[in-house]
Amino acid sequence: MRKFSVLLSDTMNNTMVQVFGESASELIYTLMERQAALKREEVGEKIEAFHAYVKKLVGSEIAQVILTAGLKGLCAELRREYEEVEKYLSFLEDLYEIKLRLLALPQRREKSVGD
């Protein structure tokens, strides 16, 4: 599972691209790095600074839309990752159950031979 801050950074980046497009998002990130010393990869760790910069750049209403959409996207991504982990754990549980059955077979055979 990816770190939460990485997930948040990726989700906010996807939101920025959806709202502004690829080239405008790149421009915003370039300006943000130069003017606010905030890199794209740091957005997840410094979400307040990211929000403040976007608010300064495009206004509070659009910044709030970006933040809200990003957080909704994050929830969807976390749910997807949780479901993947849940499937993996279920798979491991099934394998463990099969292993127990296979281990029990030789013991049953030994008992039936000895009886």
C-alpha atoms as a PDB file:
ATOM      1  CA  MET A   1       0.000   0.000   0.000  1.00  0.00           C
ATOM      2  CA  ARG A   2       1.265   3.447  -0.848  1.00  0.00           C
ATOM      3  CA  LYS A   3       1.847   6.033   1.829  1.00  0.00           C
ATOM      4  CA  PHE A   4      -1.066   8.344   2.527  1.00  0.00           C
ATOM      5  CA  SER A   5       0.886  11.467   1.575  1.00  0.00           C
ATOM      6  CA  VAL A   6       1.791   9.940  -1.799  1.00  0.00           C
ATOM      7  CA  LEU A   7      -1.844   9.019  -2.414  1.00  0.00           C
ATOM      8  CA  LEU A   8      -2.935  12.540  -1.520  1.00  0.00           C
ATOM      9  CA  SER A   9      -0.300  14.115  -3.791  1.00  0.00           C
ATOM     10  CA  ASP A  10      -1.288  11.870  -6.706  1.00  0.00           C
ATOM     11  CA  THR A  11      -4.979  12.519  -6.176  1.00  0.00           C
ATOM     12  CA  MET A  12      -4.532  16.285  -6.001  1.00  0.00           C
ATOM     13  CA  ASN A  13      -2.390  16.162  -9.149  1.00  0.00           C
ATOM     14  CA  ASN A  14      -5.106  14.204 -10.977  1.00  0.00           C
ATOM     15  CA  THR A  15      -7.665  16.756  -9.830  1.00  0.00           C
ATOM     16  CA  MET A  16      -5.518  19.648 -11.021  1.00  0.00           C
ATOM     17  CA  VAL A  17      -5.187  18.030 -14.450  1.00  0.00           C
ATOM     18  CA  GLN A  18      -8.951  17.434 -14.621  1.00  0.00           C
ATOM     19  CA  VAL A  19      -9.725  21.039 -13.710  1.00  0.00           C
ATOM     20  CA  PHE A  20      -6.983  22.930 -15.564  1.00  0.00           C
ATOM     21  CA  GLY A  21      -5.641  20.463 -18.123  1.00  0.00           C
ATOM     22  CA  GLU A  22      -2.121  19.090 -18.410  1.00  0.00           C
ATOM     23  CA  SER A  23      -0.201  22.163 -19.583  1.00  0.00           C
ATOM     24  CA  ALA A  24      -1.892  24.632 -17.222  1.00  0.00           C
ATOM     25  CA  SER A  25      -1.324  22.243 -14.299  1.00  0.00           C
ATOM     26  CA  GLU A  26       2.359  22.007 -15.187  1.00  0.00           C
ATOM     27  CA  LEU A  27       2.557  25.808 -15.229  1.00  0.00           C
ATOM     28  CA  ILE A  28       0.851  26.036 -11.831  1.00  0.00           C
ATOM     29  CA  TYR A  29       3.237  23.484 -10.335  1.00  0.00           C
ATOM     30  CA  THR A  30       6.240  25.313 -11.804  1.00  0.00           C
ATOM     31  CA  LEU A  31       5.048  28.610 -10.339  1.00  0.00           C
ATOM     32  CA  MET A  32       4.254  26.964  -7.022  1.00  0.00           C
ATOM     33  CA  GLU A  33       7.755  25.530  -6.794  1.00  0.00           C
ATOM     34  CA  ARG A  34       9.379  28.872  -7.637  1.00  0.00           C
ATOM     35  CA  GLN A  35       7.135  31.158  -5.610  1.00  0.00           C
ATOM     36  CA  ALA A  36       6.125  28.991  -2.660  1.00  0.00           C
ATOM     37  CA  ALA A  37       9.040  26.501  -2.578  1.00  0.00           C
ATOM     38  CA  LEU A  38       6.486  23.688  -2.682  1.00  0.00           C
ATOM     39  CA  LYS A  39       7.087  20.726  -4.962  1.00  0.00           C
ATOM     40  CA  ARG A  40       4.333  18.625  -6.484  1.00  0.00           C
ATOM     41  CA  GLU A  41       5.508  15.570  -4.522  1.00  0.00           C
ATOM     42  CA  GLU A  42       5.186  17.490  -1.241  1.00  0.00           C
ATOM     43  CA  VAL A  43       1.523  18.399  -1.702  1.00  0.00           C
ATOM     44  CA  GLY A  44       0.338  15.400   0.320  1.00  0.00           C
ATOM     45  CA  GLU A  45       2.541  16.375   3.250  1.00  0.00           C
ATOM     46  CA  LYS A  46       1.788  20.100   2.998  1.00  0.00           C
ATOM     47  CA  ILE A  47      -1.836  20.211   1.879  1.00  0.00           C
ATOM     48  CA  GLU A  48      -2.504  23.478   3.753  1.00  0.00           C
ATOM     49  CA  ALA A  49       0.335  25.243   1.925  1.00  0.00           C
ATOM     50  CA  PHE A  50      -0.883  23.815  -1.386  1.00  0.00           C
ATOM     51  CA  HIS A  51      -4.428  25.004  -0.738  1.00  0.00           C
ATOM     52  CA  ALA A  52      -3.199  28.460   0.302  1.00  0.00           C
ATOM     53  CA  TYR A  53      -1.114  28.812  -2.860  1.00  0.00           C
ATOM     54  CA  VAL A  54      -3.890  27.648  -5.191  1.00  0.00           C
ATOM     55  CA  LYS A  55      -6.305  29.980  -3.359  1.00  0.00           C
ATOM     56  CA  LYS A  56      -3.920  32.892  -3.911  1.00  0.00           C
ATOM     57  CA  LEU A  57      -3.492  31.962  -7.572  1.00  0.00           C
ATOM     58  CA  VAL A  58      -7.076  31.220  -8.672  1.00  0.00           C
ATOM     59  CA  GLY A  59      -9.308  32.426  -5.841  1.00  0.00           C
ATOM     60  CA  SER A  60     -10.935  30.802  -2.860  1.00  0.00           C
ATOM     61  CA  GLU A  61     -13.961  29.298  -4.627  1.00  0.00           C
ATOM     62  CA  ILE A  62     -11.955  27.441  -7.262  1.00  0.00           C
ATOM     63  CA  ALA A  63      -9.367  26.401  -4.678  1.00  0.00           C
ATOM     64  CA  GLN A  64     -12.159  24.947  -2.537  1.00  0.00           C
ATOM     65  CA  VAL A  65     -13.572  23.074  -5.540  1.00  0.00           C
ATOM     66  CA  ILE A  66     -10.121  21.596  -6.232  1.00  0.00           C
ATOM     67  CA  LEU A  67      -9.623  20.587  -2.606  1.00  0.00           C
ATOM     68  CA  THR A  68     -13.098  19.050  -2.321  1.00  0.00           C
ATOM     69  CA  ALA A  69     -12.797  17.152  -5.600  1.00  0.00           C
ATOM     70  CA  GLY A  70      -9.331  15.968  -4.604  1.00  0.00           C
ATOM     71  CA  LEU A  71     -10.546  14.705  -1.248  1.00  0.00           C
ATOM     72  CA  LYS A  72     -13.441  12.867  -2.905  1.00  0.00           C
ATOM     73  CA  GLY A  73     -10.944  11.282  -5.287  1.00  0.00           C
ATOM     74  CA  LEU A  74      -8.753  10.332  -2.345  1.00  0.00           C
ATOM     75  CA  CYS A  75     -11.672   8.582  -0.643  1.00  0.00           C
ATOM     76  CA  ALA A  76     -12.348   6.605  -3.822  1.00  0.00           C
ATOM     77  CA  GLU A  77      -8.667   5.671  -4.108  1.00  0.00           C
ATOM     78  CA  LEU A  78      -8.474   4.596  -0.467  1.00  0.00           C
ATOM     79  CA  ARG A  79     -11.614   2.496  -0.888  1.00  0.00           C
ATOM     80  CA  ARG A  80     -10.070   0.846  -3.969  1.00  0.00           C
ATOM     81  CA  GLU A  81      -6.821   0.116  -2.119  1.00  0.00           C
ATOM     82  CA  TYR A  82      -8.774  -1.248   0.854  1.00  0.00           C
ATOM     83  CA  GLU A  83     -10.704  -3.567  -1.458  1.00  0.00           C
ATOM     84  CA  GLU A  84      -7.439  -4.799  -2.994  1.00  0.00           C
ATOM     85  CA  VAL A  85      -6.009  -5.521   0.458  1.00  0.00           C
ATOM     86  CA  GLU A  86      -9.246  -7.222   1.471  1.00  0.00           C
ATOM     87  CA  LYS A  87      -9.111  -9.449  -1.656  1.00  0.00           C
ATOM     88  CA  TYR A  88      -5.486 -10.297  -0.944  1.00  0.00           C
ATOM     89  CA  LEU A  89      -6.241 -11.231   2.670  1.00  0.00           C
ATOM     90  CA  SER A  90      -9.200 -13.322   1.543  1.00  0.00           C
ATOM     91  CA  PHE A  91      -6.940 -15.106  -0.947  1.00  0.00           C
ATOM     92  CA  LEU A  92      -4.384 -15.801   1.801  1.00  0.00           C
ATOM     93  CA  GLU A  93      -7.145 -17.097   4.052  1.00  0.00           C
ATOM     94  CA  ASP A  94      -8.292 -19.495   1.312  1.00  0.00           C
ATOM     95  CA  LEU A  95      -4.720 -20.713   0.791  1.00  0.00           C
ATOM     96  CA  TYR A  96      -4.316 -21.290   4.509  1.00  0.00           C
ATOM     97  CA  GLU A  97      -7.534 -23.294   4.619  1.00  0.00           C
ATOM     98  CA  ILE A  98      -6.374 -25.447   1.682  1.00  0.00           C
ATOM     99  CA  LYS A  99      -3.029 -26.000   3.383  1.00  0.00           C
ATOM    100  CA  LEU A 100      -4.754 -27.169   6.564  1.00  0.00           C
ATOM    101  CA  ARG A 101      -6.902 -29.601   4.580  1.00  0.00           C
ATOM    102  CA  LEU A 102      -3.868 -30.989   2.770  1.00  0.00           C
ATOM    103  CA  LEU A 103      -1.986 -31.401   6.036  1.00  0.00           C
ATOM    104  CA  ALA A 104      -4.966 -33.206   7.571  1.00  0.00           C
ATOM    105  CA  LEU A 105      -5.165 -35.780   4.728  1.00  0.00           C
ATOM    106  CA  PRO A 106      -1.967 -37.698   5.653  1.00  0.00           C
ATOM    107  CA  GLN A 107      -3.068 -37.821   9.292  1.00  0.00           C
ATOM    108  CA  ARG A 108      -6.437 -39.334   8.292  1.00  0.00           C
ATOM    109  CA  ARG A 109      -4.684 -41.916   6.115  1.00  0.00           C
ATOM    110  CA  GLU A 110      -2.340 -42.865   8.952  1.00  0.00           C
ATOM    111  CA  LYS A 111      -5.268 -43.334  11.329  1.00  0.00           C
ATOM    112  CA  SER A 112      -7.234 -45.455   8.846  1.00  0.00           C
ATOM    113  CA  VAL A 113      -4.195 -47.685   8.159  1.00  0.00           C
ATOM    114  CA  GLY A 114      -3.507 -48.132  11.870  1.00  0.00           C
ATOM    115  CA  ASP A 115      -7.118 -48.877  12.821  1.00  0.00           C
END
